């Protein structure tokens, strides 16, 4: 039987490294059901989605009208797509592990993550080194993403690459480019990236990682689409805040309306313990 909570040693490693992996946290049946649903939504073009062409990342199609231009990168708004995703995202298996790190009341972000990643062969893109905090503006940059591998993830099919401990580095703005990807030309950045490791996962493994952790991902060079369900959480105290002038989030996606689901101790999306809150950002 898998424990719901992190051990003290696991919590210490997370705080040191900025990530942790729980092997086999989700059973095979759940993963296969999620993959089946994702394939169905891809085949039926169920919106909303993000296309590879929209990212303009290395390897992505030049436009939506180019060959492979309608290759889906992410199925967005996963919790609204099916109860299956919502039940997993608000499960005790996740909530009880996050509370020692984020506090007793945890909220599930509905912006950016809350998606199924669908890294397809041929037209998948590579994602350069970055911190996920660039996607949000929060008064406290303390968010944790939970990445459920729905199949094997390795370097050949574009698994995540991580730099342990990089969430504790105080980066300067000039170390990043205009799109807030880490520049790879400065010597100090190259030294940091030498510590990178591949997050190799099997079906059902779950990666927990801090929003300030440097990470990247390569292209999928296999013949099979790689699926992962990804959700991001923060404490109820971590409210969205104003972006400081010249701050790190200046190139980030602006969230005019952001909604969050508050996790109860035994919450599902149908439980009364779940509170939907809407926040507006100017």
Protein backbone atom coordinates (compact mmCIF):
# COMPACT_ATOMS: atom_id res chain seq x y z
CA UNK A 1 0.00 0.00 0.00
CA UNK A 2 1.37 3.42 -1.02
CA UNK A 3 1.47 6.06 1.70
CA UNK A 4 -0.42 9.28 0.96
CA UNK A 5 2.18 11.57 2.53
CA UNK A 6 5.83 12.32 1.85
CA UNK A 7 8.28 11.11 4.48
CA UNK A 8 10.45 13.69 6.22
CA UNK A 9 13.42 12.55 4.12
CA UNK A 10 11.39 13.04 0.91
CA UNK A 11 10.30 16.52 2.04
CA UNK A 12 13.91 17.43 2.78
CA UNK A 13 15.00 16.21 -0.68
CA UNK A 14 12.22 18.20 -2.34
CA UNK A 15 13.24 21.38 -0.55
CA UNK A 16 16.88 20.76 -1.52
CA UNK A 17 16.38 19.64 -5.14
CA UNK A 18 13.09 21.32 -6.07
CA UNK A 19 11.48 18.09 -7.22
CA UNK A 20 10.59 14.57 -6.19
CA UNK A 21 9.25 11.46 -7.94
CA UNK A 22 6.71 9.03 -6.52
CA UNK A 23 6.89 5.76 -8.40
CA UNK A 24 3.63 4.01 -9.31
CA UNK A 25 1.39 6.54 -7.58
CA UNK A 26 -1.35 6.13 -10.21
CA UNK A 27 -2.46 2.63 -11.19
CA UNK A 28 -2.34 1.32 -14.76
CA UNK A 29 -6.13 1.34 -15.18
CA UNK A 30 -6.35 5.08 -14.41
CA UNK A 31 -3.50 5.89 -16.78
CA UNK A 32 -4.98 3.84 -19.61
CA UNK A 33 -8.40 5.47 -19.13
CA UNK A 34 -6.83 8.93 -19.25
CA UNK A 35 -4.89 8.06 -22.40
CA UNK A 36 -7.98 6.63 -24.06
CA UNK A 37 -9.93 9.78 -23.26
CA UNK A 38 -7.10 12.00 -24.52
CA UNK A 39 -6.91 10.08 -27.80
CA UNK A 40 -10.68 10.42 -28.19
CA UNK A 41 -10.52 14.18 -27.65
CA UNK A 42 -7.65 14.48 -30.13
CA UNK A 43 -9.57 12.51 -32.75
CA UNK A 44 -12.72 14.59 -32.20
CA UNK A 45 -10.82 17.90 -32.02
CA UNK A 46 -12.37 18.74 -28.63
CA UNK A 47 -11.43 22.31 -27.76
CA UNK A 48 -9.71 24.13 -26.14
CA UNK A 49 -6.26 23.02 -27.26
CA UNK A 50 -2.81 24.48 -27.84
CA UNK A 51 -1.18 23.63 -31.17
CA UNK A 52 2.57 23.09 -31.60
CA UNK A 53 2.57 25.79 -34.31
CA UNK A 54 1.36 28.37 -31.80
CA UNK A 55 4.47 27.98 -29.62
CA UNK A 56 7.02 28.72 -32.35
CA UNK A 57 9.44 26.53 -30.42
CA UNK A 58 12.31 24.74 -32.23
CA UNK A 59 10.88 21.91 -34.36
CA UNK A 60 7.31 23.20 -34.35
CA UNK A 61 5.45 23.80 -37.65
CA UNK A 62 5.85 27.30 -39.05
CA UNK A 63 2.11 28.04 -38.94
CA UNK A 64 -1.28 26.41 -38.44
CA UNK A 65 -1.52 26.01 -42.22
CA UNK A 66 1.91 24.38 -42.60
CA UNK A 67 2.37 20.59 -42.67
CA UNK A 68 1.67 19.36 -39.13
CA UNK A 69 0.32 22.78 -38.20
CA UNK A 70 -2.70 21.29 -36.43
CA UNK A 71 -0.59 18.98 -34.27
CA UNK A 72 -1.93 19.37 -30.72
CA UNK A 73 0.60 20.09 -27.98
CA UNK A 74 -1.81 20.31 -25.02
CA UNK A 75 -5.44 19.49 -24.30
CA UNK A 76 -6.37 22.47 -22.13
CA UNK A 77 -8.83 22.71 -19.21
CA UNK A 78 -8.48 19.05 -18.27
CA UNK A 79 -10.70 19.24 -15.18
CA UNK A 80 -13.57 20.60 -17.26
CA UNK A 81 -13.13 17.86 -19.87
CA UNK A 82 -14.00 14.89 -17.69
CA UNK A 83 -14.53 13.98 -14.03
CA UNK A 84 -11.67 11.49 -14.39
CA UNK A 85 -9.09 14.30 -14.49
CA UNK A 86 -10.77 16.29 -11.72
CA UNK A 87 -10.91 13.32 -9.37
CA UNK A 88 -7.20 12.69 -9.85
CA UNK A 89 -6.25 16.37 -9.53
CA UNK A 90 -8.10 16.71 -6.19
CA UNK A 91 -7.23 13.29 -4.76
CA UNK A 92 -5.70 12.66 -1.34
CA UNK A 93 -2.71 11.09 -3.10
CA UNK A 94 -1.79 14.59 -4.25
CA UNK A 95 -3.29 16.83 -1.57
CA UNK A 96 -1.74 15.04 1.40
CA UNK A 97 1.71 15.28 -0.19
CA UNK A 98 1.38 18.97 -1.00
CA UNK A 99 0.11 20.20 2.38
CA UNK A 100 3.48 19.98 4.20
CA UNK A 101 4.98 22.02 1.35
CA UNK A 102 2.21 24.56 0.64
CA UNK A 103 0.09 24.68 3.78
CA UNK A 104 -3.28 23.29 4.94
CA UNK A 105 -5.42 24.93 2.24
CA UNK A 106 -4.34 24.21 -1.33
CA UNK A 107 -5.76 25.62 -4.53
CA UNK A 108 -5.58 24.15 -8.02
CA UNK A 109 -4.70 26.62 -10.76
CA UNK A 110 -6.97 26.56 -13.79
CA UNK A 111 -4.53 28.58 -15.93
CA UNK A 112 -1.70 27.25 -18.12
CA UNK A 113 -1.39 23.77 -16.62
CA UNK A 114 -4.57 21.80 -15.85
CA UNK A 115 -3.92 20.04 -19.13
CA UNK A 116 -2.94 16.82 -20.87
CA UNK A 117 0.40 17.10 -22.65
CA UNK A 118 0.34 15.31 -26.01
CA UNK A 119 3.87 15.20 -27.44
CA UNK A 120 3.46 13.73 -30.90
CA UNK A 121 6.16 12.28 -33.16
CA UNK A 122 7.40 14.18 -36.23
CA UNK A 123 5.96 17.61 -35.38
CA UNK A 124 6.73 17.90 -31.67
CA UNK A 125 8.84 20.82 -30.52
CA UNK A 126 11.71 21.24 -28.09
CA UNK A 127 11.22 23.43 -25.03
CA UNK A 128 14.23 25.45 -23.89
CA UNK A 129 15.33 25.89 -20.27
CA UNK A 130 12.86 27.94 -18.26
CA UNK A 131 11.06 28.35 -14.93
CA UNK A 132 7.28 27.86 -14.86
CA UNK A 133 6.79 30.91 -12.65
CA UNK A 134 6.96 32.93 -15.90
CA UNK A 135 3.41 31.73 -16.67
CA UNK A 136 1.89 33.37 -13.59
CA UNK A 137 2.14 36.51 -11.48
CA UNK A 138 1.89 35.65 -7.78
CA UNK A 139 2.81 37.60 -4.67
CA UNK A 140 4.58 34.46 -3.46
CA UNK A 141 6.29 32.37 -6.18
CA UNK A 142 5.52 29.13 -4.36
CA UNK A 143 3.64 26.84 -6.75
CA UNK A 144 4.14 23.12 -7.27
CA UNK A 145 3.32 21.23 -10.45
CA UNK A 146 2.29 17.57 -10.44
CA UNK A 147 3.16 15.66 -13.62
CA UNK A 148 1.54 12.23 -14.07
CA UNK A 149 3.26 10.10 -16.72
CA UNK A 150 0.63 8.19 -18.70
CA UNK A 151 3.33 6.07 -20.33
CA UNK A 152 7.10 5.75 -20.34
CA UNK A 153 9.06 8.99 -20.49
CA UNK A 154 12.70 9.03 -21.50
CA UNK A 155 15.07 11.27 -23.45
CA UNK A 156 14.17 9.72 -26.80
CA UNK A 157 10.49 10.70 -26.50
CA UNK A 158 11.15 14.10 -24.92
CA UNK A 159 11.06 13.61 -21.15
CA UNK A 160 11.63 16.55 -18.84
CA UNK A 161 15.18 17.62 -18.07
CA UNK A 162 15.74 19.18 -14.63
CA UNK A 163 18.48 21.11 -12.83
CA UNK A 164 18.38 20.00 -9.18
CA UNK A 165 18.50 22.88 -6.72
CA UNK A 166 17.99 25.59 -9.36
CA UNK A 167 14.78 26.73 -7.65
CA UNK A 168 16.98 28.22 -4.92
CA UNK A 169 19.11 30.30 -7.30
CA UNK A 170 18.46 34.05 -7.39
CA UNK A 171 18.66 34.66 -11.13
CA UNK A 172 19.13 38.09 -12.70
CA UNK A 173 16.85 39.28 -15.50
CA UNK A 174 19.74 39.40 -18.00
CA UNK A 175 20.32 35.66 -17.62
CA UNK A 176 17.08 35.14 -19.57
CA UNK A 177 16.09 36.13 -23.09
CA UNK A 178 13.07 38.23 -24.05
CA UNK A 179 10.75 35.18 -23.85
CA UNK A 180 12.15 34.28 -20.39
CA UNK A 181 14.07 31.22 -21.53
CA UNK A 182 17.49 30.83 -19.90
CA UNK A 183 20.23 32.07 -22.20
CA UNK A 184 22.76 29.33 -22.91
CA UNK A 185 25.62 31.58 -24.02
CA UNK A 186 26.75 33.07 -20.65
CA UNK A 187 29.36 30.95 -18.93
CA UNK A 188 27.57 31.13 -15.57
CA UNK A 189 24.42 29.68 -17.17
CA UNK A 190 26.38 26.90 -18.85
CA UNK A 191 27.85 25.96 -15.47
CA UNK A 192 24.35 25.74 -14.00
CA UNK A 193 23.06 23.57 -16.85
CA UNK A 194 25.90 21.07 -16.46
CA UNK A 195 23.98 19.75 -13.45
CA UNK A 196 20.91 18.82 -15.53
CA UNK A 197 19.35 15.35 -15.19
CA UNK A 198 16.68 13.48 -17.16
CA UNK A 199 13.39 12.78 -15.34
CA UNK A 200 12.83 9.24 -16.61
CA UNK A 201 9.36 8.03 -15.67
CA UNK A 202 7.25 4.90 -16.12
CA UNK A 203 3.49 4.79 -16.49
CA UNK A 204 1.88 5.90 -13.22
CA UNK A 205 4.97 7.68 -11.89
CA UNK A 206 4.37 11.23 -10.64
CA UNK A 207 6.87 14.09 -10.68
CA UNK A 208 6.33 16.93 -8.19
CA UNK A 209 8.37 20.05 -9.04
CA UNK A 210 8.72 23.65 -7.88
CA UNK A 211 7.69 26.51 -10.19
CA UNK A 212 11.19 28.04 -9.99
CA UNK A 213 12.98 24.81 -10.96
CA UNK A 214 14.83 25.11 -14.27
CA UNK A 215 13.61 22.50 -16.73
CA UNK A 216 13.47 21.77 -20.44
CA UNK A 217 12.32 19.01 -22.79
CA UNK A 218 13.47 17.63 -26.12
CA UNK A 219 11.45 16.53 -29.14
CA UNK A 220 9.68 13.18 -29.40
CA UNK A 221 11.83 11.10 -31.75
CA UNK A 222 9.87 7.86 -31.36
CA UNK A 223 6.82 6.65 -33.28
CA UNK A 224 4.36 7.03 -30.39
CA UNK A 225 2.65 10.04 -28.84
CA UNK A 226 3.72 10.72 -25.23
CA UNK A 227 0.89 11.65 -22.85
CA UNK A 228 1.08 13.28 -19.40
CA UNK A 229 -1.55 14.91 -17.15
CA UNK A 230 -0.22 18.07 -15.49
CA UNK A 231 -1.71 20.22 -12.71
CA UNK A 232 -0.31 23.11 -10.66
CA UNK A 233 -1.13 24.08 -7.05
CA UNK A 234 -0.51 26.93 -4.63
CA UNK A 235 -1.58 27.87 -1.13
CA UNK A 236 -4.68 29.97 -0.53
CA UNK A 237 -2.33 32.74 0.62
CA UNK A 238 -0.51 32.79 -2.73
CA UNK A 239 -2.88 35.18 -4.45
CA UNK A 240 -2.16 36.61 -7.90
CA UNK A 241 -0.37 39.94 -7.57
CA UNK A 242 0.67 42.87 -9.70
CA UNK A 243 3.68 42.36 -11.96
CA UNK A 244 6.48 44.69 -10.87
CA UNK A 245 7.91 46.96 -13.56
CA UNK A 246 10.71 45.11 -15.34
CA UNK A 247 9.94 41.99 -13.31
CA UNK A 248 10.57 38.43 -14.39
CA UNK A 249 6.94 37.95 -15.45
CA UNK A 250 6.89 40.83 -17.94
CA UNK A 251 6.75 38.41 -20.91
CA UNK A 252 4.46 35.93 -19.22
CA UNK A 253 0.92 35.11 -20.26
CA UNK A 254 -1.41 37.70 -18.71
CA UNK A 255 -4.30 36.07 -16.91
CA UNK A 256 -7.29 38.41 -17.15
CA UNK A 257 -9.47 35.85 -15.41
CA UNK A 258 -8.03 33.04 -13.35
CA UNK A 259 -10.05 30.47 -11.47
CA UNK A 260 -8.94 28.08 -8.78
CA UNK A 261 -10.37 25.01 -7.12
CA UNK A 262 -9.72 24.64 -3.41
CA UNK A 263 -8.82 21.12 -2.34
CA UNK A 264 -10.69 19.65 0.60
CA UNK A 265 -9.12 16.81 2.54
CA UNK A 266 -11.24 14.22 0.70
CA UNK A 267 -12.28 16.36 -2.23
CA UNK A 268 -13.59 15.49 -5.63
CA UNK A 269 -15.09 18.03 -8.00
CA UNK A 270 -18.55 17.07 -6.76
CA UNK A 271 -17.79 17.41 -3.06
CA UNK A 272 -19.04 20.38 -1.09
CA UNK A 273 -15.49 20.77 0.22
CA UNK A 274 -14.45 22.11 -3.17
CA UNK A 275 -14.79 25.87 -3.49
CA UNK A 276 -14.54 27.55 -6.89
CA UNK A 277 -13.14 31.06 -6.67
CA UNK A 278 -12.72 33.56 -9.49
CA UNK A 279 -10.03 36.21 -9.46
CA UNK A 280 -9.56 39.03 -11.94
CA UNK A 281 -6.23 40.56 -12.81
CA UNK A 282 -5.92 43.99 -14.38
